[in-house]
Amino acid sequence: ATGATPTAAAATTEAPKEDPVQKWLAETERLRDQLRQLVDQESATQLEINQITNRIYTPVTSVSERDRAQNELGIAQVRLQALRDQISKARSELLAREQEGPPKKQ
């Protein structure tokens, strides 16, 4: 029983170290995926804004429906601006990572 303990301890201390280049590549790819998702959300929100705008300017509509659509439009526009801010931040971060490049092997 005592012979198994040092082997287990040695296995835990000799865990394979993560390659910094592979870690950088994985983090950069994760950032690209996040950026793609944000751009997709931006497109969907823009389409939603277009649909709401069409409801506002429908020739046959009630005042309450128009007011409700205008409230929804305001909310969607705020959401769109927040998405655009996140996209801008993610693009800046991605650009900085790509310009810096992966860590150099030592």
PDB file of N, CA and C in Angstrom:
ATOM      1  N   ALA A   1       0.827  -1.189   0.000  1.00  0.00           N
ATOM      2  CA  ALA A   1       0.000   0.000   0.000  1.00  0.00           C
ATOM      3  C   ALA A   1       0.871   1.252   0.000  1.00  0.00           C
ATOM      4  N   THR A   2       2.020   1.181   0.671  1.00  0.00           N
ATOM      5  CA  THR A   2       2.888   2.362   0.717  1.00  0.00           C
ATOM      6  C   THR A   2       3.594   2.584  -0.602  1.00  0.00           C
ATOM      7  N   GLY A   3       3.752   1.562  -1.403  1.00  0.00           N
ATOM      8  CA  GLY A   3       4.413   1.705  -2.707  1.00  0.00           C
ATOM      9  C   GLY A   3       3.537   2.441  -3.709  1.00  0.00           C
ATOM     10  N   ALA A   4       2.226   2.378  -3.575  1.00  0.00           N
ATOM     11  CA  ALA A   4       1.318   3.031  -4.522  1.00  0.00           C
ATOM     12  C   ALA A   4       1.226   4.527  -4.260  1.00  0.00           C
ATOM     13  N   THR A   5       1.425   4.950  -3.042  1.00  0.00           N
ATOM     14  CA  THR A   5       1.291   6.360  -2.692  1.00  0.00           C
ATOM     15  C   THR A   5       2.335   7.240  -3.381  1.00  0.00           C
ATOM     16  N   PRO A   6       3.626   6.891  -3.383  1.00  0.00           N
ATOM     17  CA  PRO A   6       4.599   7.743  -4.083  1.00  0.00           C
ATOM     18  C   PRO A   6       4.338   7.811  -5.586  1.00  0.00           C
ATOM     19  N   THR A   7       3.855   6.720  -6.169  1.00  0.00           N
ATOM     20  CA  THR A   7       3.564   6.732  -7.606  1.00  0.00           C
ATOM     21  C   THR A   7       2.421   7.694  -7.912  1.00  0.00           C
ATOM     22  N   ALA A   8       1.400   7.677  -7.080  1.00  0.00           N
ATOM     23  CA  ALA A   8       0.265   8.585  -7.270  1.00  0.00           C
ATOM     24  C   ALA A   8       0.713  10.021  -7.074  1.00  0.00           C
ATOM     25  N   ALA A   9       1.566  10.265  -6.108  1.00  0.00           N
ATOM     26  CA  ALA A   9       2.062  11.622  -5.870  1.00  0.00           C
ATOM     27  C   ALA A   9       2.919  12.086  -7.036  1.00  0.00           C
ATOM     28  N   ALA A  10       3.724  11.206  -7.578  1.00  0.00           N
ATOM     29  CA  ALA A  10       4.569  11.566  -8.718  1.00  0.00           C
ATOM     30  C   ALA A  10       3.717  11.863  -9.944  1.00  0.00           C
ATOM     31  N   ALA A  11       2.636  11.138 -10.127  1.00  0.00           N
ATOM     32  CA  ALA A  11       1.767  11.359 -11.287  1.00  0.00           C
ATOM     33  C   ALA A  11       1.084  12.714 -11.201  1.00  0.00           C
ATOM     34  N   THR A  12       0.712  13.140  -9.996  1.00  0.00           N
ATOM     35  CA  THR A  12       0.037  14.425  -9.868  1.00  0.00           C
ATOM     36  C   THR A  12       1.006  15.587 -10.014  1.00  0.00           C
ATOM     37  N   THR A  13       2.253  15.407  -9.602  1.00  0.00           N
ATOM     38  CA  THR A  13       3.222  16.500  -9.734  1.00  0.00           C
ATOM     39  C   THR A  13       3.771  16.596 -11.150  1.00  0.00           C
ATOM     40  N   GLU A  14       3.684  15.512 -11.910  1.00  0.00           N
ATOM     41  CA  GLU A  14       4.205  15.517 -13.271  1.00  0.00           C
ATOM     42  C   GLU A  14       3.079  15.656 -14.303  1.00  0.00           C
ATOM     43  N   ALA A  15       2.047  16.369 -13.953  1.00  0.00           N
ATOM     44  CA  ALA A  15       0.948  16.591 -14.894  1.00  0.00           C
ATOM     45  C   ALA A  15       1.500  17.361 -16.092  1.00  0.00           C
ATOM     46  N   PRO A  16       1.057  17.007 -17.286  1.00  0.00           N
ATOM     47  CA  PRO A  16       1.600  17.683 -18.464  1.00  0.00           C
ATOM     48  C   PRO A  16       1.283  19.183 -18.423  1.00  0.00           C
ATOM     49  N   LYS A  17       2.309  19.961 -18.666  1.00  0.00           N
ATOM     50  CA  LYS A  17       2.125  21.412 -18.671  1.00  0.00           C
ATOM     51  C   LYS A  17       1.472  21.819 -19.981  1.00  0.00           C
ATOM     52  N   GLU A  18       0.600  22.795 -19.887  1.00  0.00           N
ATOM     53  CA  GLU A  18      -0.104  23.272 -21.072  1.00  0.00           C
ATOM     54  C   GLU A  18       0.838  24.120 -21.906  1.00  0.00           C
ATOM     55  N   ASP A  19       0.860  23.841 -23.180  1.00  0.00           N
ATOM     56  CA  ASP A  19       1.699  24.592 -24.105  1.00  0.00           C
ATOM     57  C   ASP A  19       1.144  26.012 -24.224  1.00  0.00           C
ATOM     58  N   PRO A  20       1.965  27.036 -23.959  1.00  0.00           N
ATOM     59  CA  PRO A  20       1.462  28.416 -24.017  1.00  0.00           C
ATOM     60  C   PRO A  20       0.950  28.805 -25.407  1.00  0.00           C
ATOM     61  N   VAL A  21       1.539  28.249 -26.450  1.00  0.00           N
ATOM     62  CA  VAL A  21       1.082  28.560 -27.809  1.00  0.00           C
ATOM     63  C   VAL A  21      -0.299  27.965 -28.038  1.00  0.00           C
ATOM     64  N   GLN A  22      -0.487  26.717 -27.600  1.00  0.00           N
ATOM     65  CA  GLN A  22      -1.798  26.082 -27.744  1.00  0.00           C
ATOM     66  C   GLN A  22      -2.855  26.810 -26.924  1.00  0.00           C
ATOM     67  N   LYS A  23      -2.474  27.257 -25.737  1.00  0.00           N
ATOM     68  CA  LYS A  23      -3.406  28.022 -24.896  1.00  0.00           C
ATOM     69  C   LYS A  23      -3.779  29.328 -25.581  1.00  0.00           C
ATOM     70  N   TRP A  24      -2.803  30.015 -26.171  1.00  0.00           N
ATOM     71  CA  TRP A  24      -3.048  31.271 -26.872  1.00  0.00           C
ATOM     72  C   TRP A  24      -3.986  31.027 -28.055  1.00  0.00           C
ATOM     73  N   LEU A  25      -3.724  29.954 -28.813  1.00  0.00           N
ATOM     74  CA  LEU A  25      -4.583  29.637 -29.958  1.00  0.00           C
ATOM     75  C   LEU A  25      -6.015  29.350 -29.516  1.00  0.00           C
ATOM     76  N   ALA A  26      -6.164  28.606 -28.442  1.00  0.00           N
ATOM     77  CA  ALA A  26      -7.510  28.272 -27.942  1.00  0.00           C
ATOM     78  C   ALA A  26      -8.238  29.521 -27.469  1.00  0.00           C
ATOM     79  N   GLU A  27      -7.540  30.397 -26.750  1.00  0.00           N
ATOM     80  CA  GLU A  27      -8.172  31.633 -26.274  1.00  0.00           C
ATOM     81  C   GLU A  27      -8.532  32.555 -27.430  1.00  0.00           C
ATOM     82  N   THR A  28      -7.671  32.617 -28.427  1.00  0.00           N
ATOM     83  CA  THR A  28      -7.951  33.454 -29.600  1.00  0.00           C
ATOM     84  C   THR A  28      -9.150  32.910 -30.370  1.00  0.00           C
ATOM     85  N   GLU A  29      -9.231  31.605 -30.509  1.00  0.00           N
ATOM     86  CA  GLU A  29     -10.373  31.000 -31.204  1.00  0.00           C
ATOM     87  C   GLU A  29     -11.664  31.237 -30.420  1.00  0.00           C
ATOM     88  N   ARG A  30     -11.578  31.152 -29.088  1.00  0.00           N
ATOM     89  CA  ARG A  30     -12.753  31.428 -28.250  1.00  0.00           C
ATOM     90  C   ARG A  30     -13.222  32.859 -28.449  1.00  0.00           C
ATOM     91  N   LEU A  31     -12.276  33.781 -28.545  1.00  0.00           N
ATOM     92  CA  LEU A  31     -12.620  35.188 -28.770  1.00  0.00           C
ATOM     93  C   LEU A  31     -13.259  35.383 -30.144  1.00  0.00           C
ATOM     94  N   ARG A  32     -12.747  34.679 -31.147  1.00  0.00           N
ATOM     95  CA  ARG A  32     -13.354  34.757 -32.493  1.00  0.00           C
ATOM     96  C   ARG A  32     -14.782  34.221 -32.477  1.00  0.00           C
ATOM     97  N   ASP A  33     -14.999  33.104 -31.773  1.00  0.00           N
ATOM     98  CA  ASP A  33     -16.351  32.535 -31.665  1.00  0.00           C
ATOM     99  C   ASP A  33     -17.293  33.512 -30.971  1.00  0.00           C
ATOM    100  N   GLN A  34     -16.809  34.131 -29.907  1.00  0.00           N
ATOM    101  CA  GLN A  34     -17.625  35.109 -29.184  1.00  0.00           C
ATOM    102  C   GLN A  34     -17.978  36.278 -30.102  1.00  0.00           C
ATOM    103  N   LEU A  35     -17.020  36.723 -30.894  1.00  0.00           N
ATOM    104  CA  LEU A  35     -17.262  37.833 -31.819  1.00  0.00           C
ATOM    105  C   LEU A  35     -18.305  37.450 -32.868  1.00  0.00           C
ATOM    106  N   ARG A  36     -18.209  36.228 -33.390  1.00  0.00           N
ATOM    107  CA  ARG A  36     -19.206  35.770 -34.374  1.00  0.00           C
ATOM    108  C   ARG A  36     -20.600  35.739 -33.760  1.00  0.00           C
ATOM    109  N   GLN A  37     -20.700  35.271 -32.522  1.00  0.00           N
ATOM    110  CA  GLN A  37     -22.003  35.221 -31.853  1.00  0.00           C
ATOM    111  C   GLN A  37     -22.564  36.629 -31.650  1.00  0.00           C
ATOM    112  N   LEU A  38     -21.703  37.559 -31.270  1.00  0.00           N
ATOM    113  CA  LEU A  38     -22.160  38.938 -31.075  1.00  0.00           C
ATOM    114  C   LEU A  38     -22.643  39.551 -32.386  1.00  0.00           C
ATOM    115  N   VAL A  39     -21.932  39.291 -33.480  1.00  0.00           N
ATOM    116  CA  VAL A  39     -22.338  39.819 -34.781  1.00  0.00           C
ATOM    117  C   VAL A  39     -23.678  39.210 -35.201  1.00  0.00           C
ATOM    118  N   ASP A  40     -23.863  37.915 -34.922  1.00  0.00           N
ATOM    119  CA  ASP A  40     -25.155  37.283 -35.220  1.00  0.00           C
ATOM    120  C   ASP A  40     -26.277  37.921 -34.407  1.00  0.00           C
ATOM    121  N   GLN A  41     -26.011  38.188 -33.126  1.00  0.00           N
ATOM    122  CA  GLN A  41     -27.014  38.840 -32.279  1.00  0.00           C
ATOM    123  C   GLN A  41     -27.310  40.252 -32.778  1.00  0.00           C
ATOM    124  N   GLU A  42     -26.273  40.940 -33.255  1.00  0.00           N
ATOM    125  CA  GLU A  42     -26.469  42.292 -33.792  1.00  0.00           C
ATOM    126  C   GLU A  42     -27.389  42.245 -35.010  1.00  0.00           C
ATOM    127  N   SER A  43     -27.145  41.293 -35.901  1.00  0.00           N
ATOM    128  CA  SER A  43     -27.987  41.160 -37.095  1.00  0.00           C
ATOM    129  C   SER A  43     -29.428  40.846 -36.730  1.00  0.00           C
ATOM    130  N   ALA A  44     -29.615  39.940 -35.784  1.00  0.00           N
ATOM    131  CA  ALA A  44     -30.967  39.574 -35.356  1.00  0.00           C
ATOM    132  C   ALA A  44     -31.674  40.774 -34.730  1.00  0.00           C
ATOM    133  N   THR A  45     -30.946  41.549 -33.942  1.00  0.00           N
ATOM    134  CA  THR A  45     -31.540  42.723 -33.306  1.00  0.00           C
ATOM    135  C   THR A  45     -31.891  43.775 -34.353  1.00  0.00           C
ATOM    136  N   GLN A  46     -31.042  43.936 -35.355  1.00  0.00           N
ATOM    137  CA  GLN A  46     -31.344  44.893 -36.420  1.00  0.00           C
ATOM    138  C   GLN A  46     -32.597  44.471 -37.188  1.00  0.00           C
ATOM    139  N   LEU A  47     -32.733  43.181 -37.437  1.00  0.00           N
ATOM    140  CA  LEU A  47     -33.953  42.685 -38.090  1.00  0.00           C
ATOM    141  C   LEU A  47     -35.185  42.943 -37.217  1.00  0.00           C
ATOM    142  N   GLU A  48     -35.037  42.732 -35.923  1.00  0.00           N
ATOM    143  CA  GLU A  48     -36.141  42.993 -34.993  1.00  0.00           C
ATOM    144  C   GLU A  48     -36.526  44.475 -35.036  1.00  0.00           C
ATOM    145  N   ILE A  49     -35.535  45.345 -35.068  1.00  0.00           N
ATOM    146  CA  ILE A  49     -35.803  46.788 -35.148  1.00  0.00           C
ATOM    147  C   ILE A  49     -36.556  47.112 -36.428  1.00  0.00           C
ATOM    148  N   ASN A  50     -36.164  46.493 -37.529  1.00  0.00           N
ATOM    149  CA  ASN A  50     -36.863  46.731 -38.790  1.00  0.00           C
ATOM    150  C   ASN A  50     -38.320  46.291 -38.714  1.00  0.00           C
ATOM    151  N   GLN A  51     -38.568  45.136 -38.089  1.00  0.00           N
ATOM    152  CA  GLN A  51     -39.940  44.654 -37.948  1.00  0.00           C
ATOM    153  C   GLN A  51     -40.770  45.582 -37.065  1.00  0.00           C
ATOM    154  N   ILE A  52     -40.178  46.047 -35.979  1.00  0.00           N
ATOM    155  CA  ILE A  52     -40.888  46.958 -35.081  1.00  0.00           C
ATOM    156  C   ILE A  52     -41.192  48.277 -35.794  1.00  0.00           C
ATOM    157  N   THR A  53     -40.212  48.778 -36.546  1.00  0.00           N
ATOM    158  CA  THR A  53     -40.411  50.020 -37.294  1.00  0.00           C
ATOM    159  C   THR A  53     -41.553  49.862 -38.299  1.00  0.00           C
ATOM    160  N   ASN A  54     -41.622  48.711 -38.939  1.00  0.00           N
ATOM    161  CA  ASN A  54     -42.732  48.453 -39.865  1.00  0.00           C
ATOM    162  C   ASN A  54     -44.071  48.477 -39.131  1.00  0.00           C
ATOM    163  N   ARG A  55     -44.104  47.947 -37.901  1.00  0.00           N
ATOM    164  CA  ARG A  55     -45.350  47.980 -37.127  1.00  0.00           C
ATOM    165  C   ARG A  55     -45.736  49.405 -36.752  1.00  0.00           C
ATOM    166  N   ILE A  56     -44.735  50.248 -36.485  1.00  0.00           N
ATOM    167  CA  ILE A  56     -45.032  51.641 -36.116  1.00  0.00           C
ATOM    168  C   ILE A  56     -45.670  52.380 -37.289  1.00  0.00           C
ATOM    169  N   TYR A  57     -45.156  52.142 -38.473  1.00  0.00           N
ATOM    170  CA  TYR A  57     -45.624  52.892 -39.647  1.00  0.00           C
ATOM    171  C   TYR A  57     -46.689  52.171 -40.459  1.00  0.00           C
ATOM    172  N   THR A  58     -47.281  51.115 -39.886  1.00  0.00           N
ATOM    173  CA  THR A  58     -48.385  50.437 -40.553  1.00  0.00           C
ATOM    174  C   THR A  58     -49.549  51.417 -40.685  1.00  0.00           C
ATOM    175  N   PRO A  59     -50.147  51.529 -41.883  1.00  0.00           N
ATOM    176  CA  PRO A  59     -51.230  52.508 -42.071  1.00  0.00           C
ATOM    177  C   PRO A  59     -52.427  52.283 -41.157  1.00  0.00           C
ATOM    178  N   VAL A  60     -52.763  51.026 -40.885  1.00  0.00           N
ATOM    179  CA  VAL A  60     -53.921  50.738 -40.044  1.00  0.00           C
ATOM    180  C   VAL A  60     -53.405  50.188 -38.720  1.00  0.00           C
ATOM    181  N   THR A  61     -53.337  51.059 -37.728  1.00  0.00           N
ATOM    182  CA  THR A  61     -52.880  50.648 -36.400  1.00  0.00           C
ATOM    183  C   THR A  61     -53.529  51.550 -35.362  1.00  0.00           C
ATOM    184  N   SER A  62     -53.605  51.058 -34.146  1.00  0.00           N
ATOM    185  CA  SER A  62     -54.180  51.877 -33.078  1.00  0.00           C
ATOM    186  C   SER A  62     -53.055  52.644 -32.386  1.00  0.00           C
ATOM    187  N   VAL A  63     -53.460  53.652 -31.640  1.00  0.00           N
ATOM    188  CA  VAL A  63     -52.476  54.459 -30.906  1.00  0.00           C
ATOM    189  C   VAL A  63     -51.746  53.599 -29.866  1.00  0.00           C
ATOM    190  N   SER A  64     -52.474  52.725 -29.185  1.00  0.00           N
ATOM    191  CA  SER A  64     -51.843  51.881 -28.161  1.00  0.00           C
ATOM    192  C   SER A  64     -50.844  50.906 -28.788  1.00  0.00           C
ATOM    193  N   GLU A  65     -51.179  50.351 -29.955  1.00  0.00           N
ATOM    194  CA  GLU A  65     -50.248  49.444 -30.639  1.00  0.00           C
ATOM    195  C   GLU A  65     -49.002  50.203 -31.085  1.00  0.00           C
ATOM    196  N   ARG A  66     -49.184  51.405 -31.576  1.00  0.00           N
ATOM    197  CA  ARG A  66     -48.053  52.228 -32.018  1.00  0.00           C
ATOM    198  C   ARG A  66     -47.165  52.591 -30.823  1.00  0.00           C
ATOM    199  N   ASP A  67     -47.784  52.956 -29.696  1.00  0.00           N
ATOM    200  CA  ASP A  67     -47.009  53.282 -28.488  1.00  0.00           C
ATOM    201  C   ASP A  67     -46.223  52.067 -27.991  1.00  0.00           C
ATOM    202  N   ARG A  68     -46.870  50.911 -27.993  1.00  0.00           N
ATOM    203  CA  ARG A  68     -46.201  49.675 -27.570  1.00  0.00           C
ATOM    204  C   ARG A  68     -45.016  49.376 -28.487  1.00  0.00           C
ATOM    205  N   ALA A  69     -45.208  49.538 -29.782  1.00  0.00           N
ATOM    206  CA  ALA A  69     -44.132  49.285 -30.738  1.00  0.00           C
ATOM    207  C   ALA A  69     -42.988  50.283 -30.541  1.00  0.00           C
ATOM    208  N   GLN A  70     -43.319  51.534 -30.240  1.00  0.00           N
ATOM    209  CA  GLN A  70     -42.273  52.529 -30.007  1.00  0.00           C
ATOM    210  C   GLN A  70     -41.475  52.211 -28.743  1.00  0.00           C
ATOM    211  N   ASN A  71     -42.141  51.716 -27.704  1.00  0.00           N
ATOM    212  CA  ASN A  71     -41.433  51.285 -26.495  1.00  0.00           C
ATOM    213  C   ASN A  71     -40.504  50.111 -26.799  1.00  0.00           C
ATOM    214  N   GLU A  72     -41.009  49.139 -27.553  1.00  0.00           N
ATOM    215  CA  GLU A  72     -40.190  47.990 -27.949  1.00  0.00           C
ATOM    216  C   GLU A  72     -39.000  48.440 -28.795  1.00  0.00           C
ATOM    217  N   LEU A  73     -39.233  49.423 -29.652  1.00  0.00           N
ATOM    218  CA  LEU A  73     -38.165  49.949 -30.499  1.00  0.00           C
ATOM    219  C   LEU A  73     -37.055  50.564 -29.645  1.00  0.00           C
ATOM    220  N   GLY A  74     -37.431  51.330 -28.647  1.00  0.00           N
ATOM    221  CA  GLY A  74     -36.435  51.934 -27.756  1.00  0.00           C
ATOM    222  C   GLY A  74     -35.595  50.885 -27.044  1.00  0.00           C
ATOM    223  N   ILE A  75     -36.248  49.845 -26.559  1.00  0.00           N
ATOM    224  CA  ILE A  75     -35.543  48.765 -25.867  1.00  0.00           C
ATOM    225  C   ILE A  75     -34.591  48.052 -26.830  1.00  0.00           C
ATOM    226  N   ALA A  76     -35.072  47.774 -28.032  1.00  0.00           N
ATOM    227  CA  ALA A  76     -34.240  47.084 -29.027  1.00  0.00           C
ATOM    228  C   ALA A  76     -33.048  47.949 -29.438  1.00  0.00           C
ATOM    229  N   GLN A  77     -33.249  49.253 -29.546  1.00  0.00           N
ATOM    230  CA  GLN A  77     -32.145  50.137 -29.926  1.00  0.00           C
ATOM    231  C   GLN A  77     -31.075  50.189 -28.835  1.00  0.00           C
ATOM    232  N   VAL A  78     -31.492  50.180 -27.580  1.00  0.00           N
ATOM    233  CA  VAL A  78     -30.527  50.150 -26.469  1.00  0.00           C
ATOM    234  C   VAL A  78     -29.740  48.842 -26.510  1.00  0.00           C
ATOM    235  N   ARG A  79     -30.456  47.730 -26.743  1.00  0.00           N
ATOM    236  CA  ARG A  79     -29.801  46.421 -26.829  1.00  0.00           C
ATOM    237  C   ARG A  79     -28.813  46.385 -27.993  1.00  0.00           C
ATOM    238  N   LEU A  80     -29.208  46.982 -29.136  1.00  0.00           N
ATOM    239  CA  LEU A  80     -28.329  47.026 -30.298  1.00  0.00           C
ATOM    240  C   LEU A  80     -27.060  47.814 -29.990  1.00  0.00           C
ATOM    241  N   GLN A  81     -27.196  48.932 -29.314  1.00  0.00           N
ATOM    242  CA  GLN A  81     -26.017  49.735 -28.979  1.00  0.00           C
ATOM    243  C   GLN A  81     -25.092  48.980 -28.026  1.00  0.00           C
ATOM    244  N   ALA A  82     -25.669  48.267 -27.066  1.00  0.00           N
ATOM    245  CA  ALA A  82     -24.855  47.471 -26.137  1.00  0.00           C
ATOM    246  C   ALA A  82     -24.098  46.376 -26.886  1.00  0.00           C
ATOM    247  N   LEU A  83     -24.777  45.728 -27.831  1.00  0.00           N
ATOM    248  CA  LEU A  83     -24.115  44.698 -28.642  1.00  0.00           C
ATOM    249  C   LEU A  83     -22.982  45.301 -29.462  1.00  0.00           C
ATOM    250  N   ARG A  84     -23.225  46.455 -30.037  1.00  0.00           N
ATOM    251  CA  ARG A  84     -22.180  47.105 -30.841  1.00  0.00           C
ATOM    252  C   ARG A  84     -20.989  47.497 -29.991  1.00  0.00           C
ATOM    253  N   ASP A  85     -21.231  47.913 -28.757  1.00  0.00           N
ATOM    254  CA  ASP A  85     -20.128  48.223 -27.840  1.00  0.00           C
ATOM    255  C   ASP A  85     -19.321  46.960 -27.534  1.00  0.00           C
ATOM    256  N   GLN A  86     -20.011  45.846 -27.291  1.00  0.00           N
ATOM    257  CA  GLN A  86     -19.326  44.583 -27.014  1.00  0.00           C
ATOM    258  C   GLN A  86     -18.533  44.113 -28.233  1.00  0.00           C
ATOM    259  N   ILE A  87     -19.107  44.297 -29.423  1.00  0.00           N
ATOM    260  CA  ILE A  87     -18.415  43.913 -30.653  1.00  0.00           C
ATOM    261  C   ILE A  87     -17.143  44.736 -30.823  1.00  0.00           C
ATOM    262  N   SER A  88     -17.253  46.019 -30.588  1.00  0.00           N
ATOM    263  CA  SER A  88     -16.095  46.898 -30.713  1.00  0.00           C
ATOM    264  C   SER A  88     -14.989  46.483 -29.745  1.00  0.00           C
ATOM    265  N   LYS A  89     -15.364  46.186 -28.517  1.00  0.00           N
ATOM    266  CA  LYS A  89     -14.387  45.762 -27.505  1.00  0.00           C
ATOM    267  C   LYS A  89     -13.743  44.433 -27.908  1.00  0.00           C
ATOM    268  N   ALA A  90     -14.561  43.478 -28.364  1.00  0.00           N
ATOM    269  CA  ALA A  90     -14.042  42.164 -28.752  1.00  0.00           C
ATOM    270  C   ALA A  90     -13.119  42.282 -29.959  1.00  0.00           C
ATOM    271  N   ARG A  91     -13.486  43.120 -30.925  1.00  0.00           N
ATOM    272  CA  ARG A  91     -12.619  43.311 -32.102  1.00  0.00           C
ATOM    273  C   ARG A  91     -11.287  43.931 -31.715  1.00  0.00           C
ATOM    274  N   SER A  92     -11.323  44.904 -30.815  1.00  0.00           N
ATOM    275  CA  SER A  92     -10.083  45.532 -30.356  1.00  0.00           C
ATOM    276  C   SER A  92      -9.199  44.519 -29.642  1.00  0.00           C
ATOM    277  N   GLU A  93      -9.807  43.715 -28.792  1.00  0.00           N
ATOM    278  CA  GLU A  93      -9.051  42.700 -28.052  1.00  0.00           C
ATOM    279  C   GLU A  93      -8.450  41.670 -29.011  1.00  0.00           C
ATOM    280  N   LEU A  94      -9.247  41.237 -29.994  1.00  0.00           N
ATOM    281  CA  LEU A  94      -8.766  40.262 -30.969  1.00  0.00           C
ATOM    282  C   LEU A  94      -7.625  40.844 -31.794  1.00  0.00           C
ATOM    283  N   LEU A  95      -7.777  42.073 -32.229  1.00  0.00           N
ATOM    284  CA  LEU A  95      -6.729  42.728 -33.017  1.00  0.00           C
ATOM    285  C   LEU A  95      -5.436  42.833 -32.212  1.00  0.00           C
ATOM    286  N   ALA A  96      -5.551  43.220 -30.952  1.00  0.00           N
ATOM    287  CA  ALA A  96      -4.367  43.333 -30.096  1.00  0.00           C
ATOM    288  C   ALA A  96      -3.697  41.969 -29.912  1.00  0.00           C
ATOM    289  N   ARG A  97      -4.494  40.919 -29.711  1.00  0.00           N
ATOM    290  CA  ARG A  97      -3.935  39.565 -29.556  1.00  0.00           C
ATOM    291  C   ARG A  97      -3.223  39.138 -30.826  1.00  0.00           C
ATOM    292  N   GLU A  98      -3.847  39.381 -31.971  1.00  0.00           N
ATOM    293  CA  GLU A  98      -3.249  38.959 -33.236  1.00  0.00           C
ATOM    294  C   GLU A  98      -1.977  39.740 -33.548  1.00  0.00           C
ATOM    295  N   GLN A  99      -1.948  41.020 -33.215  1.00  0.00           N
ATOM    296  CA  GLN A  99      -0.747  41.807 -33.447  1.00  0.00           C
ATOM    297  C   GLN A  99       0.382  41.372 -32.519  1.00  0.00           C
ATOM    298  N   GLU A 100       0.033  41.037 -31.290  1.00  0.00           N
ATOM    299  CA  GLU A 100       1.028  40.576 -30.327  1.00  0.00           C
ATOM    300  C   GLU A 100       1.559  39.206 -30.704  1.00  0.00           C
ATOM    301  N   GLY A 101       0.679  38.369 -31.205  1.00  0.00           N
ATOM    302  CA  GLY A 101       1.068  37.021 -31.620  1.00  0.00           C
ATOM    303  C   GLY A 101       1.166  36.078 -30.440  1.00  0.00           C
ATOM    304  N   PRO A 102       1.370  34.803 -30.748  1.00  0.00           N
ATOM    305  CA  PRO A 102       1.486  33.821 -29.671  1.00  0.00           C
ATOM    306  C   PRO A 102       2.772  34.015 -28.894  1.00  0.00           C
ATOM    307  N   PRO A 103       2.822  33.483 -27.679  1.00  0.00           N
ATOM    308  CA  PRO A 103       4.054  33.599 -26.902  1.00  0.00           C
ATOM    309  C   PRO A 103       5.199  32.858 -27.587  1.00  0.00           C
ATOM    310  N   LYS A 104       6.374  33.388 -27.433  1.00  0.00           N
ATOM    311  CA  LYS A 104       7.564  32.775 -28.043  1.00  0.00           C
ATOM    312  C   LYS A 104       8.029  31.612 -27.200  1.00  0.00           C
ATOM    313  N   LYS A 105       8.483  30.563 -27.858  1.00  0.00           N
ATOM    314  CA  LYS A 105       9.013  29.406 -27.129  1.00  0.00           C
ATOM    315  C   LYS A 105      10.382  29.782 -26.570  1.00  0.00           C
ATOM    316  N   GLN A 106      10.624  29.311 -25.357  1.00  0.00           N
ATOM    317  CA  GLN A 106      11.881  29.678 -24.696  1.00  0.00           C
ATOM    318  C   GLN A 106      12.872  28.565 -24.715  1.00  0.00           C
TER     319      GLN A 106
END
